[in-house]
Amino acid sequence: MSKAHRLSMEKRYMIKIAHRGNTNGSNDLENAPEYIDKSLSNGYEAEIDVWYHKDGLWLGHDNPKYMIDFSWLQDRQDRLWCHAKNFEALNNLLSYQKINVFWHQEDNYTVTSQGYIWAYPGQSGNDARTIAVKPTPSMKLGDFYGVCSDDFTQLEI
């Protein structure tokens, strides 16, 4: 089911986005393609950190760490939220309409290429287009489109 279709449904489905592939706490495997695939196979979508470096795409938070083929992104494009980590990655990925990409540093909110509002950790935004990022257990999540977290065991969704 596409994101747009889920959004248009009268009763919305809250999507769960594994932050860098994490679902049960952060660890050293985050952003590794196999780790992302494990989260996807367990029913999560995933936020990934994407770099364009040396004429190729890479995953990694602080720097390019795991080289990936573009086909890897395309095969998973309906379940990935691509956080462009440099201008080259943003510019490259914006060329592909089906890839959901965004850029932010410490902005309270940013808009993804598919029109979703990505809220900085701790920011509210109870709206059908907003993603709650790394929410605290006390945040009311019912009106958000989705939640992006490192640890879903601590959240009531």
C-alpha atoms as a PDB file:
ATOM      1  CA  MET A   1       0.000   0.000   0.000  1.00  0.00           C
ATOM      2  CA  SER A   2       1.496   3.355  -1.008  1.00  0.00           C
ATOM      3  CA  LYS A   3       2.047   6.159   1.475  1.00  0.00           C
ATOM      4  CA  ALA A   4      -0.395   8.367  -0.417  1.00  0.00           C
ATOM      5  CA  HIS A   5      -3.099   5.680  -0.275  1.00  0.00           C
ATOM      6  CA  ARG A   6      -2.621   5.157   3.468  1.00  0.00           C
ATOM      7  CA  LEU A   7      -2.860   8.909   3.994  1.00  0.00           C
ATOM      8  CA  SER A   8      -6.153   9.106   2.137  1.00  0.00           C
ATOM      9  CA  MET A   9      -7.782   6.316   4.123  1.00  0.00           C
ATOM     10  CA  GLU A  10     -10.426   7.457   6.613  1.00  0.00           C
ATOM     11  CA  LYS A  11      -8.847   5.455   9.425  1.00  0.00           C
ATOM     12  CA  ARG A  12      -5.126   6.035   9.175  1.00  0.00           C
ATOM     13  CA  TYR A  13      -2.488   3.442   9.808  1.00  0.00           C
ATOM     14  CA  MET A  14       0.417   4.694  11.948  1.00  0.00           C
ATOM     15  CA  ILE A  15       3.633   3.758  10.194  1.00  0.00           C
ATOM     16  CA  LYS A  16       6.708   2.821  12.178  1.00  0.00           C
ATOM     17  CA  ILE A  17      10.007   4.058  10.791  1.00  0.00           C
ATOM     18  CA  ALA A  18      13.164   2.407  12.092  1.00  0.00           C
ATOM     19  CA  HIS A  19      15.681   5.224  12.651  1.00  0.00           C
ATOM     20  CA  ARG A  20      18.773   4.081  10.691  1.00  0.00           C
ATOM     21  CA  GLY A  21      17.302   0.570  10.941  1.00  0.00           C
ATOM     22  CA  ASN A  22      17.077   0.580  14.742  1.00  0.00           C
ATOM     23  CA  THR A  23      13.947  -0.806  16.384  1.00  0.00           C
ATOM     24  CA  ASN A  24      15.167  -1.918  19.806  1.00  0.00           C
ATOM     25  CA  GLY A  25      17.855   0.660  20.637  1.00  0.00           C
ATOM     26  CA  SER A  26      20.735   2.078  18.622  1.00  0.00           C
ATOM     27  CA  ASN A  27      23.861   0.071  17.844  1.00  0.00           C
ATOM     28  CA  ASP A  28      26.926  -0.043  15.592  1.00  0.00           C
ATOM     29  CA  LEU A  29      25.029  -1.673  12.713  1.00  0.00           C
ATOM     30  CA  GLU A  30      22.832   1.336  11.983  1.00  0.00           C
ATOM     31  CA  ASN A  31      22.662   2.300   8.304  1.00  0.00           C
ATOM     32  CA  ALA A  32      24.219  -1.015   7.217  1.00  0.00           C
ATOM     33  CA  PRO A  33      22.205  -2.256   4.209  1.00  0.00           C
ATOM     34  CA  GLU A  34      21.662  -5.725   5.735  1.00  0.00           C
ATOM     35  CA  TYR A  35      20.502  -4.134   8.991  1.00  0.00           C
ATOM     36  CA  ILE A  36      18.054  -1.896   7.102  1.00  0.00           C
ATOM     37  CA  ASP A  37      16.771  -4.950   5.218  1.00  0.00           C
ATOM     38  CA  LYS A  38      16.160  -6.770   8.499  1.00  0.00           C
ATOM     39  CA  SER A  39      14.001  -3.896   9.761  1.00  0.00           C
ATOM     40  CA  LEU A  40      12.094  -3.785   6.473  1.00  0.00           C
ATOM     41  CA  SER A  41      11.473  -7.533   6.597  1.00  0.00           C
ATOM     42  CA  ASN A  42      10.060  -7.097  10.115  1.00  0.00           C
ATOM     43  CA  GLY A  43       7.401  -4.701   8.823  1.00  0.00           C
ATOM     44  CA  TYR A  44       9.059  -1.356   9.515  1.00  0.00           C
ATOM     45  CA  GLU A  45       9.893   1.412   7.104  1.00  0.00           C
ATOM     46  CA  ALA A  46      13.373   2.912   7.581  1.00  0.00           C
ATOM     47  CA  GLU A  47      15.034   6.299   7.762  1.00  0.00           C
ATOM     48  CA  ILE A  48      18.495   6.099   6.223  1.00  0.00           C
ATOM     49  CA  ASP A  49      21.357   8.577   5.980  1.00  0.00           C
ATOM     50  CA  VAL A  50      22.471   8.910   2.347  1.00  0.00           C
ATOM     51  CA  TRP A  51      25.649  10.482   1.006  1.00  0.00           C
ATOM     52  CA  TYR A  52      26.798  11.077  -2.554  1.00  0.00           C
ATOM     53  CA  HIS A  53      30.561  10.507  -2.534  1.00  0.00           C
ATOM     54  CA  LYS A  54      33.105   9.503  -5.181  1.00  0.00           C
ATOM     55  CA  ASP A  55      30.406   9.255  -7.868  1.00  0.00           C
ATOM     56  CA  GLY A  56      28.288   6.856  -5.838  1.00  0.00           C
ATOM     57  CA  LEU A  57      25.692   6.533  -3.092  1.00  0.00           C
ATOM     58  CA  TRP A  58      26.695   5.608   0.430  1.00  0.00           C
ATOM     59  CA  LEU A  59      24.926   5.062   3.750  1.00  0.00           C
ATOM     60  CA  GLY A  60      26.310   6.325   7.052  1.00  0.00           C
ATOM     61  CA  HIS A  61      25.500   8.888   9.702  1.00  0.00           C
ATOM     62  CA  ASP A  62      28.662  10.921  10.253  1.00  0.00           C
ATOM     63  CA  ASN A  63      30.358   9.952   6.992  1.00  0.00           C
ATOM     64  CA  PRO A  64      29.950   7.650   3.991  1.00  0.00           C
ATOM     65  CA  LYS A  65      30.386   4.119   5.345  1.00  0.00           C
ATOM     66  CA  TYR A  66      28.444   1.583   3.230  1.00  0.00           C
ATOM     67  CA  MET A  67      28.468   1.885  -0.554  1.00  0.00           C
ATOM     68  CA  ILE A  68      25.135   0.963  -2.156  1.00  0.00           C
ATOM     69  CA  ASP A  69      23.886   0.558  -5.703  1.00  0.00           C
ATOM     70  CA  PHE A  70      21.108   2.852  -6.821  1.00  0.00           C
ATOM     71  CA  SER A  71      19.063  -0.278  -7.496  1.00  0.00           C
ATOM     72  CA  TRP A  72      19.167  -1.027  -3.748  1.00  0.00           C
ATOM     73  CA  LEU A  73      17.297   2.263  -3.126  1.00  0.00           C
ATOM     74  CA  GLN A  74      14.892   1.716  -6.008  1.00  0.00           C
ATOM     75  CA  ASP A  75      13.975  -1.780  -4.818  1.00  0.00           C
ATOM     76  CA  ARG A  76      12.991  -0.364  -1.419  1.00  0.00           C
ATOM     77  CA  GLN A  77      11.879   3.156  -2.378  1.00  0.00           C
ATOM     78  CA  ASP A  78       8.317   2.786  -1.065  1.00  0.00           C
ATOM     79  CA  ARG A  79       9.628   1.986   2.433  1.00  0.00           C
ATOM     80  CA  LEU A  80      12.630   4.331   2.778  1.00  0.00           C
ATOM     81  CA  TRP A  81      12.892   7.863   4.114  1.00  0.00           C
ATOM     82  CA  CYS A  82      16.206   9.172   2.773  1.00  0.00           C
ATOM     83  CA  HIS A  83      17.944  11.809   4.864  1.00  0.00           C
ATOM     84  CA  ALA A  84      20.393  13.429   2.436  1.00  0.00           C
ATOM     85  CA  LYS A  85      23.593  14.156   4.314  1.00  0.00           C
ATOM     86  CA  ASN A  86      25.199  16.370   1.675  1.00  0.00           C
ATOM     87  CA  PHE A  87      24.020  18.597  -1.159  1.00  0.00           C
ATOM     88  CA  GLU A  88      25.114  16.117  -3.808  1.00  0.00           C
ATOM     89  CA  ALA A  89      22.925  13.365  -2.324  1.00  0.00           C
ATOM     90  CA  LEU A  90      19.927  15.701  -2.089  1.00  0.00           C
ATOM     91  CA  ASN A  91      20.367  16.993  -5.617  1.00  0.00           C
ATOM     92  CA  ASN A  92      20.843  13.486  -7.022  1.00  0.00           C
ATOM     93  CA  LEU A  93      17.902  11.877  -5.213  1.00  0.00           C
ATOM     94  CA  LEU A  94      15.491  14.718  -6.003  1.00  0.00           C
ATOM     95  CA  SER A  95      15.769  13.610  -9.635  1.00  0.00           C
ATOM     96  CA  TYR A  96      13.766  10.489  -8.781  1.00  0.00           C
ATOM     97  CA  GLN A  97      10.124  11.237  -8.019  1.00  0.00           C
ATOM     98  CA  LYS A  98       9.433   7.958  -6.207  1.00  0.00           C
ATOM     99  CA  ILE A  99      12.294   8.324  -3.728  1.00  0.00           C
ATOM    100  CA  ASN A 100      11.265  10.161  -0.564  1.00  0.00           C
ATOM    101  CA  VAL A 101      14.183  12.407   0.388  1.00  0.00           C
ATOM    102  CA  PHE A 102      14.690  15.312   2.764  1.00  0.00           C
ATOM    103  CA  TRP A 103      17.452  17.508   4.165  1.00  0.00           C
ATOM    104  CA  HIS A 104      17.665  19.001   7.621  1.00  0.00           C
ATOM    105  CA  GLN A 105      20.129  19.861  10.330  1.00  0.00           C
ATOM    106  CA  GLU A 106      18.425  21.172  13.435  1.00  0.00           C
ATOM    107  CA  ASP A 107      15.366  22.754  11.799  1.00  0.00           C
ATOM    108  CA  ASN A 108      12.186  22.285  13.807  1.00  0.00           C
ATOM    109  CA  TYR A 109      10.509  20.934  10.672  1.00  0.00           C
ATOM    110  CA  THR A 110      11.373  20.074   7.113  1.00  0.00           C
ATOM    111  CA  VAL A 111       9.264  18.817   4.227  1.00  0.00           C
ATOM    112  CA  THR A 112      10.145  15.630   2.373  1.00  0.00           C
ATOM    113  CA  SER A 113      10.057  15.403  -1.409  1.00  0.00           C
ATOM    114  CA  GLN A 114       6.730  13.569  -1.091  1.00  0.00           C
ATOM    115  CA  GLY A 115       5.142  16.294   1.031  1.00  0.00           C
ATOM    116  CA  TYR A 116       5.469  14.869   4.542  1.00  0.00           C
ATOM    117  CA  ILE A 117       6.480  17.016   7.504  1.00  0.00           C
ATOM    118  CA  TRP A 118       9.556  15.635   9.275  1.00  0.00           C
ATOM    119  CA  ALA A 119       9.578  17.005  12.831  1.00  0.00           C
ATOM    120  CA  TYR A 120      12.873  17.459  14.668  1.00  0.00           C
ATOM    121  CA  PRO A 121      13.057  15.344  17.858  1.00  0.00           C
ATOM    122  CA  GLY A 122      10.830  16.787  20.552  1.00  0.00           C
ATOM    123  CA  GLN A 123       8.738  18.909  18.188  1.00  0.00           C
ATOM    124  CA  SER A 124       4.977  18.529  18.143  1.00  0.00           C
ATOM    125  CA  GLY A 125       2.930  18.518  14.997  1.00  0.00           C
ATOM    126  CA  ASN A 126      -0.103  16.347  15.521  1.00  0.00           C
ATOM    127  CA  ASP A 127      -1.104  16.240  11.881  1.00  0.00           C
ATOM    128  CA  ALA A 128      -1.869  13.558   9.321  1.00  0.00           C
ATOM    129  CA  ARG A 129       1.253  14.518   7.334  1.00  0.00           C
ATOM    130  CA  THR A 130       3.733  14.763  10.222  1.00  0.00           C
ATOM    131  CA  ILE A 131       6.331  12.239  11.315  1.00  0.00           C
ATOM    132  CA  ALA A 132       7.199  12.302  15.025  1.00  0.00           C
ATOM    133  CA  VAL A 133      10.959  11.736  15.217  1.00  0.00           C
ATOM    134  CA  LYS A 134      12.441  10.074  18.296  1.00  0.00           C
ATOM    135  CA  PRO A 135       9.406  10.910  20.439  1.00  0.00           C
ATOM    136  CA  THR A 136       9.455  10.663  24.180  1.00  0.00           C
ATOM    137  CA  PRO A 137       7.191   8.072  25.831  1.00  0.00           C
ATOM    138  CA  SER A 138       4.944  10.900  27.089  1.00  0.00           C
ATOM    139  CA  MET A 139       4.219  12.343  23.620  1.00  0.00           C
ATOM    140  CA  LYS A 140       0.699  11.852  22.306  1.00  0.00           C
ATOM    141  CA  LEU A 141       1.231  10.119  18.962  1.00  0.00           C
ATOM    142  CA  GLY A 142      -2.302   9.316  17.843  1.00  0.00           C
ATOM    143  CA  ASP A 143      -2.642  12.074  15.255  1.00  0.00           C
ATOM    144  CA  PHE A 144       0.776  11.684  13.626  1.00  0.00           C
ATOM    145  CA  TYR A 145       1.113   9.940  10.267  1.00  0.00           C
ATOM    146  CA  GLY A 146       4.059   7.988  11.585  1.00  0.00           C
ATOM    147  CA  VAL A 147       6.788   7.732  14.150  1.00  0.00           C
ATOM    148  CA  CYS A 148      10.528   7.384  13.622  1.00  0.00           C
ATOM    149  CA  SER A 149      12.359   5.880  16.561  1.00  0.00           C
ATOM    150  CA  ASP A 150      15.418   3.896  17.616  1.00  0.00           C
ATOM    151  CA  ASP A 151      13.392   1.917  20.137  1.00  0.00           C
ATOM    152  CA  PHE A 152       9.749   1.005  19.682  1.00  0.00           C
ATOM    153  CA  THR A 153       9.616  -1.012  22.916  1.00  0.00           C
ATOM    154  CA  GLN A 154       9.286   2.243  24.873  1.00  0.00           C
ATOM    155  CA  LEU A 155       6.393   3.691  22.866  1.00  0.00           C
ATOM    156  CA  GLU A 156       2.662   3.137  22.993  1.00  0.00           C
ATOM    157  CA  ILE A 157       1.531   3.125  19.385  1.00  0.00           C
END
